[in-house]
Amino acid sequence: MDNIYYKNLIEKYFAGCISDEEVKDLVNWIKTDPNLQKWLESEYKSTDDNIDAQLRDKLWNNIKRQTVEASDVSDITHKYRKFNFSSIMKWAAVVCLPLCLAVFSYYLISSNATSSAPLVVKADKGNRTSVDLPDGSSVILNSDSKLSYDSDFGKKERKVILDGEAYFKIKHDEKKTFIVQTKALDVKVLGTTFNVSAYADNKNVTIVLMEGKVGLYAFGFSHTMKPGEKVEYDKTKKLYSSSAVMPNDYIEWTKGNFYFEKESLENIMKTFSRVYGVRIRFDSNTLPQDRFTGTIPNGSIQNSLNILMLTTHFSYKVESSGIIIKEKSFSQ
């Protein structure tokens, strides 16, 4: 993971909207990043002659008293003099993470002053997240999705790279086309509202247009969409299909609900796996191709599966390793 990712996490930490998993990422970063360790060690050494020794030691002793028992103090002090990060972690994770992150923000800003690394926004499994882009556009990322864009976004071009699913509200700009790049195709607009689903493990990229106009471009393929249209592009066959839909159905996920239209159980279970963070496998060769249409309200995975079972012929078993989808027997 790059420094921009951790800078974003630090901002989320101080904004109070960081997840437990992201806090773990930050703590592990503090513990393991060799460049950070070298930087912090050099900063510590450079302050030896500039900061009053008694004041520095008093601060450090206050930290130690809050985080370790008195019997450990001499050992921790010894490790601190050697700058061993295992000791730093004891207080960073428990008491002083905000202090560390405030200091490390400076490190990130300094180390990226000349960097062209992209900004990355991620939504982990089971979460959704929002991002406001510098041009005033807004994006909602679905579970297990990632959006990246250059630090100079909007100066010369408006381009983002999407891995997963996102709902876009793009601010109109006649002079600068907004481009969403996926591994299979590009979506180009001036200003509009649309949804793109481009998960790596799905065979299709699906685009649904709410309003405005969208241009789709891939090798040997281009198509201009109209409001209320859904396009599915087969990544392997390089072919597309178009249909008229109720577009708002396809952004039910922004409310925590599921909407499927003639969707295979295979793809539905992939969706459940991403959202609930649970491993799901089939104990059947035919069930993955069964289809379902409908809306499933926000709830537990058991609730979602039970609703799905009302119209499709399967049963499931919950095990420690995950969930098994099986053929429904006549006795059930």
Protein backbone atom coordinates (compact mmCIF):
# COMPACT_ATOMS: atom_id res chain seq x y z
CA MET A 1 0.00 0.00 0.00
CA ASP A 2 1.28 3.51 -0.77
CA ASN A 3 1.69 6.50 1.50
CA ILE A 4 -1.30 8.26 -0.04
CA TYR A 5 -3.52 5.42 1.20
CA TYR A 6 -2.26 5.90 4.76
CA LYS A 7 -2.61 9.67 4.52
CA ASN A 8 -6.26 9.13 3.59
CA LEU A 9 -6.67 6.78 6.56
CA ILE A 10 -5.16 9.37 8.89
CA GLU A 11 -7.65 11.95 7.63
CA LYS A 12 -10.48 9.46 8.17
CA TYR A 13 -9.16 8.73 11.68
CA PHE A 14 -9.31 12.37 12.75
CA ALA A 15 -12.71 12.79 11.02
CA GLY A 16 -14.05 9.89 13.11
CA CYS A 17 -15.14 7.77 10.14
CA ILE A 18 -12.45 5.08 10.10
CA SER A 19 -13.24 1.38 10.40
CA ASP A 20 -11.61 -1.05 12.84
CA GLU A 21 -9.89 -2.79 9.94
CA GLU A 22 -8.40 0.50 8.74
CA VAL A 23 -7.09 1.27 12.24
CA LYS A 24 -5.34 -2.11 12.15
CA ASP A 25 -3.79 -1.11 8.81
CA LEU A 26 -2.44 2.07 10.37
CA VAL A 27 -0.99 0.31 13.40
CA ASN A 28 0.65 -2.34 11.23
CA TRP A 29 2.07 0.38 9.04
CA ILE A 30 3.60 2.12 12.06
CA LYS A 31 5.13 -1.20 13.06
CA THR A 32 6.50 -2.43 9.76
CA ASP A 33 7.22 0.44 7.34
CA PRO A 34 11.07 0.56 7.09
CA ASN A 35 11.11 4.02 5.50
CA LEU A 36 8.95 5.36 8.31
CA GLN A 37 11.22 3.82 10.91
CA LYS A 38 14.33 5.37 9.33
CA TRP A 39 12.63 8.75 9.07
CA LEU A 40 11.35 8.74 12.64
CA GLU A 41 14.71 7.57 13.97
CA SER A 42 16.51 10.35 12.11
CA GLU A 43 13.99 12.87 13.42
CA TYR A 44 14.51 11.61 16.96
CA LYS A 45 18.28 11.82 16.65
CA SER A 46 18.11 15.30 15.18
CA THR A 47 16.18 16.57 18.20
CA ASP A 48 18.66 15.25 20.79
CA ASP A 49 20.64 18.50 20.86
CA ASN A 50 17.71 20.86 20.29
CA ILE A 51 15.17 19.74 22.87
CA ASP A 52 15.73 19.97 26.58
CA ALA A 53 16.70 16.46 27.70
CA GLN A 54 14.71 16.65 30.95
CA LEU A 55 11.58 17.75 29.09
CA ARG A 56 11.97 14.96 26.53
CA ASP A 57 12.53 12.32 29.19
CA LYS A 58 9.56 13.61 31.21
CA LEU A 59 7.30 13.27 28.19
CA TRP A 60 8.56 9.78 27.46
CA ASN A 61 8.15 8.68 31.10
CA ASN A 62 4.55 9.93 31.10
CA ILE A 63 3.87 7.81 28.05
CA LYS A 64 5.47 4.77 29.66
CA ARG A 65 3.46 5.12 32.85
CA GLN A 66 0.22 5.05 30.86
CA THR A 67 1.05 2.02 28.78
CA VAL A 68 3.35 -0.36 30.59
CA GLU A 69 3.75 -1.62 34.13
CA ALA A 70 6.54 -0.21 36.27
CA SER A 71 8.49 -3.46 36.01
CA ASP A 72 8.80 -2.99 32.26
CA VAL A 73 10.05 0.59 32.32
CA SER A 74 13.79 -0.08 32.22
CA ASP A 75 13.40 -2.59 29.42
CA ILE A 76 11.23 -0.26 27.37
CA THR A 77 13.65 2.62 27.92
CA HIS A 78 16.49 0.46 26.69
CA LYS A 79 14.53 -0.51 23.59
CA TYR A 80 13.59 3.09 22.99
CA ARG A 81 17.23 4.15 22.99
CA LYS A 82 17.80 1.53 20.31
CA PHE A 83 14.60 2.66 18.60
CA ASN A 84 12.91 -0.71 18.47
CA PHE A 85 9.40 -0.33 17.02
CA SER A 86 7.89 -3.12 19.14
CA SER A 87 8.01 -0.73 22.11
CA ILE A 88 6.57 2.13 20.10
CA MET A 89 3.61 -0.04 19.17
CA LYS A 90 2.64 -0.63 22.80
CA TRP A 91 1.70 2.98 23.30
CA ALA A 92 0.78 3.81 19.69
CA ALA A 93 -2.00 1.22 19.60
CA VAL A 94 -3.33 1.89 23.10
CA VAL A 95 -3.00 5.56 23.98
CA CYS A 96 -1.04 7.67 21.54
CA LEU A 97 -2.29 6.70 18.08
CA PRO A 98 -3.70 10.22 17.53
CA LEU A 99 -0.33 11.73 18.48
CA CYS A 100 1.54 9.32 16.21
CA LEU A 101 -0.77 10.00 13.30
CA ALA A 102 -0.44 13.74 13.70
CA VAL A 103 3.35 13.38 13.55
CA PHE A 104 3.27 10.86 10.73
CA SER A 105 1.01 13.14 8.67
CA TYR A 106 4.03 15.41 8.39
CA TYR A 107 6.14 12.44 7.31
CA LEU A 108 3.63 11.54 4.60
CA ILE A 109 3.32 15.08 3.31
CA SER A 110 7.11 15.45 3.26
CA SER A 111 7.80 12.11 1.61
CA ASN A 112 5.16 12.71 -1.07
CA ALA A 113 5.95 16.32 -1.87
CA THR A 114 7.49 15.31 -5.19
CA SER A 115 5.58 12.06 -5.65
CA SER A 116 3.12 11.46 -8.46
CA ALA A 117 1.56 8.44 -6.75
CA PRO A 118 -2.22 8.31 -7.21
CA LEU A 119 -4.74 8.98 -4.47
CA VAL A 120 -6.58 5.78 -3.55
CA VAL A 121 -9.98 5.41 -1.88
CA LYS A 122 -11.10 1.94 -0.82
CA ALA A 123 -14.30 0.38 0.48
CA ASP A 124 -13.50 -2.85 2.32
CA LYS A 125 -15.75 -5.90 2.27
CA GLY A 126 -18.95 -5.17 4.15
CA ASN A 127 -18.52 -1.38 3.87
CA ARG A 128 -19.43 1.47 1.56
CA THR A 129 -17.62 4.79 1.37
CA SER A 130 -18.05 8.18 -0.28
CA VAL A 131 -15.53 10.57 -1.80
CA ASP A 132 -15.85 14.13 -3.06
CA LEU A 133 -13.51 14.79 -5.96
CA PRO A 134 -11.66 18.11 -6.42
CA ASP A 135 -13.93 19.13 -9.33
CA GLY A 136 -17.08 18.90 -7.18
CA SER A 137 -18.13 15.46 -8.43
CA SER A 138 -19.12 12.83 -5.87
CA VAL A 139 -18.69 9.06 -5.84
CA ILE A 140 -20.13 6.31 -3.64
CA LEU A 141 -18.05 3.12 -3.61
CA ASN A 142 -19.70 -0.25 -3.05
CA SER A 143 -18.23 -3.03 -0.92
CA ASP A 144 -14.79 -4.36 -1.94
CA SER A 145 -14.17 -1.53 -4.42
CA LYS A 146 -11.29 0.85 -5.10
CA LEU A 147 -11.08 4.22 -6.83
CA SER A 148 -7.79 5.90 -7.71
CA TYR A 149 -6.94 9.24 -9.33
CA ASP A 150 -3.90 11.47 -9.77
CA SER A 151 -3.02 14.15 -7.23
CA ASP A 152 -3.38 16.78 -9.98
CA PHE A 153 -6.89 15.59 -10.87
CA GLY A 154 -8.85 18.24 -12.74
CA LYS A 155 -5.94 20.41 -13.79
CA LYS A 156 -5.47 18.86 -17.21
CA GLU A 157 -7.99 16.04 -17.21
CA ARG A 158 -10.61 14.38 -15.04
CA LYS A 159 -9.79 10.68 -14.93
CA VAL A 160 -10.38 7.98 -12.31
CA ILE A 161 -9.65 4.25 -12.30
CA LEU A 162 -12.33 1.95 -10.88
CA ASP A 163 -11.99 -1.60 -9.62
CA GLY A 164 -15.39 -2.69 -8.32
CA GLU A 165 -18.69 -0.78 -8.30
CA ALA A 166 -19.42 2.92 -7.91
CA TYR A 167 -22.24 5.41 -8.28
CA PHE A 168 -21.11 8.66 -9.89
CA LYS A 169 -22.59 12.15 -9.78
CA ILE A 170 -20.38 14.15 -12.14
CA LYS A 171 -20.24 17.94 -12.17
CA HIS A 172 -20.69 19.30 -15.68
CA ASP A 173 -17.61 20.72 -17.42
CA GLU A 174 -17.77 21.32 -21.16
CA LYS A 175 -13.99 21.67 -21.43
CA LYS A 176 -12.93 18.56 -19.50
CA THR A 177 -14.38 15.13 -20.14
CA PHE A 178 -14.74 12.93 -17.07
CA ILE A 179 -13.29 9.46 -17.70
CA VAL A 180 -13.88 6.31 -15.67
CA GLN A 181 -11.31 3.68 -16.62
CA THR A 182 -11.94 0.00 -15.97
CA LYS A 183 -9.84 -2.94 -17.13
CA ALA A 184 -12.32 -3.65 -19.92
CA LEU A 185 -13.58 -0.27 -21.14
CA ASP A 186 -13.69 3.49 -20.57
CA VAL A 187 -16.74 5.54 -19.63
CA LYS A 188 -16.60 9.16 -20.81
CA VAL A 189 -19.00 11.94 -19.78
CA LEU A 190 -19.15 15.72 -19.44
CA GLY A 191 -21.54 15.72 -16.50
CA THR A 192 -24.17 13.17 -15.55
CA THR A 193 -25.27 10.47 -13.08
CA PHE A 194 -24.53 6.79 -13.65
CA ASN A 195 -23.53 3.50 -12.03
CA VAL A 196 -20.61 1.29 -13.07
CA SER A 197 -20.08 -2.29 -11.87
CA ALA A 198 -16.68 -3.63 -12.93
CA TYR A 199 -15.60 -6.28 -10.44
CA ALA A 200 -12.65 -8.37 -11.59
CA ASP A 201 -14.41 -11.67 -10.80
CA ASN A 202 -17.52 -10.85 -12.88
CA LYS A 203 -17.46 -11.62 -16.60
CA ASN A 204 -19.42 -8.46 -17.46
CA VAL A 205 -18.98 -4.75 -16.88
CA THR A 206 -22.42 -3.22 -16.27
CA ILE A 207 -23.23 0.47 -16.76
CA VAL A 208 -26.60 2.03 -15.94
CA LEU A 209 -27.35 5.64 -16.90
CA MET A 210 -29.69 7.73 -14.72
CA GLU A 211 -29.50 11.04 -16.58
CA GLY A 212 -27.44 12.85 -19.19
CA LYS A 213 -25.29 11.11 -21.79
CA VAL A 214 -22.47 8.58 -21.50
CA GLY A 215 -20.00 7.32 -24.08
CA LEU A 216 -18.54 3.83 -23.76
CA TYR A 217 -15.25 2.94 -25.45
CA ALA A 218 -13.19 -0.23 -25.74
CA PHE A 219 -11.03 -1.84 -28.41
CA GLY A 220 -13.21 -2.02 -31.53
CA PHE A 221 -16.29 -0.86 -29.60
CA SER A 222 -18.09 2.41 -28.88
CA HIS A 223 -21.62 3.17 -27.76
CA THR A 224 -23.52 6.25 -26.60
CA MET A 225 -25.99 5.56 -23.81
CA LYS A 226 -29.32 7.24 -23.11
CA PRO A 227 -31.02 7.74 -19.72
CA GLY A 228 -32.72 4.58 -18.45
CA GLU A 229 -30.40 2.32 -20.43
CA LYS A 230 -28.32 -0.55 -19.10
CA VAL A 231 -25.31 -1.87 -21.01
CA GLU A 232 -23.58 -5.15 -20.20
CA TYR A 233 -20.17 -5.61 -21.80
CA ASP A 234 -18.75 -9.12 -21.93
CA LYS A 235 -15.05 -8.80 -21.10
CA THR A 236 -14.10 -12.09 -22.77
CA LYS A 237 -16.22 -11.99 -25.93
CA LYS A 238 -15.86 -8.20 -26.36
CA LEU A 239 -19.59 -7.95 -27.02
CA TYR A 240 -22.31 -5.85 -25.43
CA SER A 241 -26.05 -5.94 -24.90
CA SER A 242 -28.37 -3.03 -24.17
CA SER A 243 -31.76 -2.88 -22.46
CA ALA A 244 -34.19 -0.35 -21.00
CA VAL A 245 -34.42 -0.50 -17.21
CA MET A 246 -35.63 1.41 -14.17
CA PRO A 247 -32.23 2.92 -13.35
CA ASN A 248 -32.89 3.69 -9.69
CA ASP A 249 -33.25 -0.05 -9.02
CA TYR A 250 -29.54 -0.41 -9.75
CA ILE A 251 -28.47 1.98 -7.01
CA GLU A 252 -30.43 0.27 -4.25
CA TRP A 253 -27.03 -0.86 -2.95
CA THR A 254 -26.32 2.75 -1.88
CA LYS A 255 -29.14 2.25 0.68
CA GLY A 256 -27.84 -1.14 1.79
CA ASN A 257 -30.37 -3.11 -0.29
CA PHE A 258 -29.84 -5.59 -3.15
CA TYR A 259 -31.49 -5.46 -6.56
CA PHE A 260 -31.06 -8.23 -9.11
CA GLU A 261 -32.57 -8.60 -12.57
CA LYS A 262 -32.39 -12.08 -14.04
CA GLU A 263 -29.10 -12.46 -12.21
CA SER A 264 -27.41 -15.83 -11.80
CA LEU A 265 -27.08 -17.33 -8.33
CA GLU A 266 -23.35 -17.47 -8.99
CA ASN A 267 -23.10 -13.68 -9.26
CA ILE A 268 -25.58 -13.14 -6.44
CA MET A 269 -23.45 -15.23 -4.09
CA LYS A 270 -20.35 -13.29 -5.18
CA THR A 271 -22.21 -10.12 -4.19
CA PHE A 272 -23.23 -11.56 -0.81
CA SER A 273 -19.66 -12.72 -0.21
CA ARG A 274 -18.30 -9.21 -0.82
CA VAL A 275 -20.91 -7.43 1.27
CA TYR A 276 -21.01 -9.82 4.22
CA GLY A 277 -17.36 -10.88 4.11
CA VAL A 278 -18.29 -14.57 4.10
CA ARG A 279 -16.93 -17.38 1.93
CA ILE A 280 -19.75 -19.01 -0.07
CA ARG A 281 -19.39 -22.09 -2.26
CA PHE A 282 -21.76 -24.28 -4.27
CA ASP A 283 -22.25 -28.00 -3.76
CA SER A 284 -24.02 -28.23 -7.11
CA ASN A 285 -23.17 -27.89 -10.80
CA THR A 286 -26.58 -26.53 -11.88
CA LEU A 287 -27.54 -24.08 -9.12
CA PRO A 288 -25.00 -21.37 -10.09
CA GLN A 289 -26.93 -20.79 -13.33
CA ASP A 290 -30.36 -20.35 -11.68
CA ARG A 291 -31.74 -16.82 -12.06
CA PHE A 292 -33.41 -14.38 -9.70
CA THR A 293 -35.15 -11.00 -10.13
CA GLY A 294 -36.15 -8.82 -7.23
CA THR A 295 -35.12 -6.56 -4.36
CA ILE A 296 -33.74 -7.93 -1.09
CA PRO A 297 -33.83 -5.44 1.80
CA ASN A 298 -30.90 -4.69 4.06
CA GLY A 299 -30.39 -7.36 6.73
CA SER A 300 -28.26 -10.32 7.76
CA ILE A 301 -26.92 -12.83 5.27
CA GLN A 302 -29.30 -15.46 6.66
CA ASN A 303 -32.21 -13.10 5.99
CA SER A 304 -31.01 -12.48 2.43
CA LEU A 305 -30.60 -16.21 1.74
CA ASN A 306 -34.01 -17.02 3.22
CA ILE A 307 -35.71 -14.46 0.96
CA LEU A 308 -33.83 -15.84 -2.04
CA MET A 309 -34.95 -19.37 -1.16
CA LEU A 310 -38.62 -18.37 -1.53
CA THR A 311 -38.29 -18.32 -5.32
CA THR A 312 -35.27 -20.49 -6.02
CA HIS A 313 -34.72 -24.17 -5.21
CA PHE A 314 -31.73 -24.40 -2.95
CA SER A 315 -30.82 -24.82 0.69
CA TYR A 316 -27.77 -23.73 2.59
CA LYS A 317 -25.61 -24.85 5.47
CA VAL A 318 -23.52 -22.59 7.69
CA GLU A 319 -20.14 -24.02 8.66
CA SER A 320 -17.05 -22.58 10.31
CA SER A 321 -15.38 -22.25 6.91
CA GLY A 322 -18.33 -20.42 5.34
CA ILE A 323 -21.68 -21.16 3.72
CA ILE A 324 -22.47 -24.09 1.41
CA ILE A 325 -25.26 -23.75 -1.18
CA LYS A 326 -26.87 -27.09 -1.93
CA GLU A 327 -29.65 -28.62 -4.01
CA LYS A 328 -32.95 -28.58 -2.14
CA SER A 329 -34.11 -32.12 -1.35
CA PHE A 330 -37.76 -33.13 -1.55
CA SER A 331 -37.85 -33.72 2.21
CA GLN A 332 -36.96 -30.12 2.97
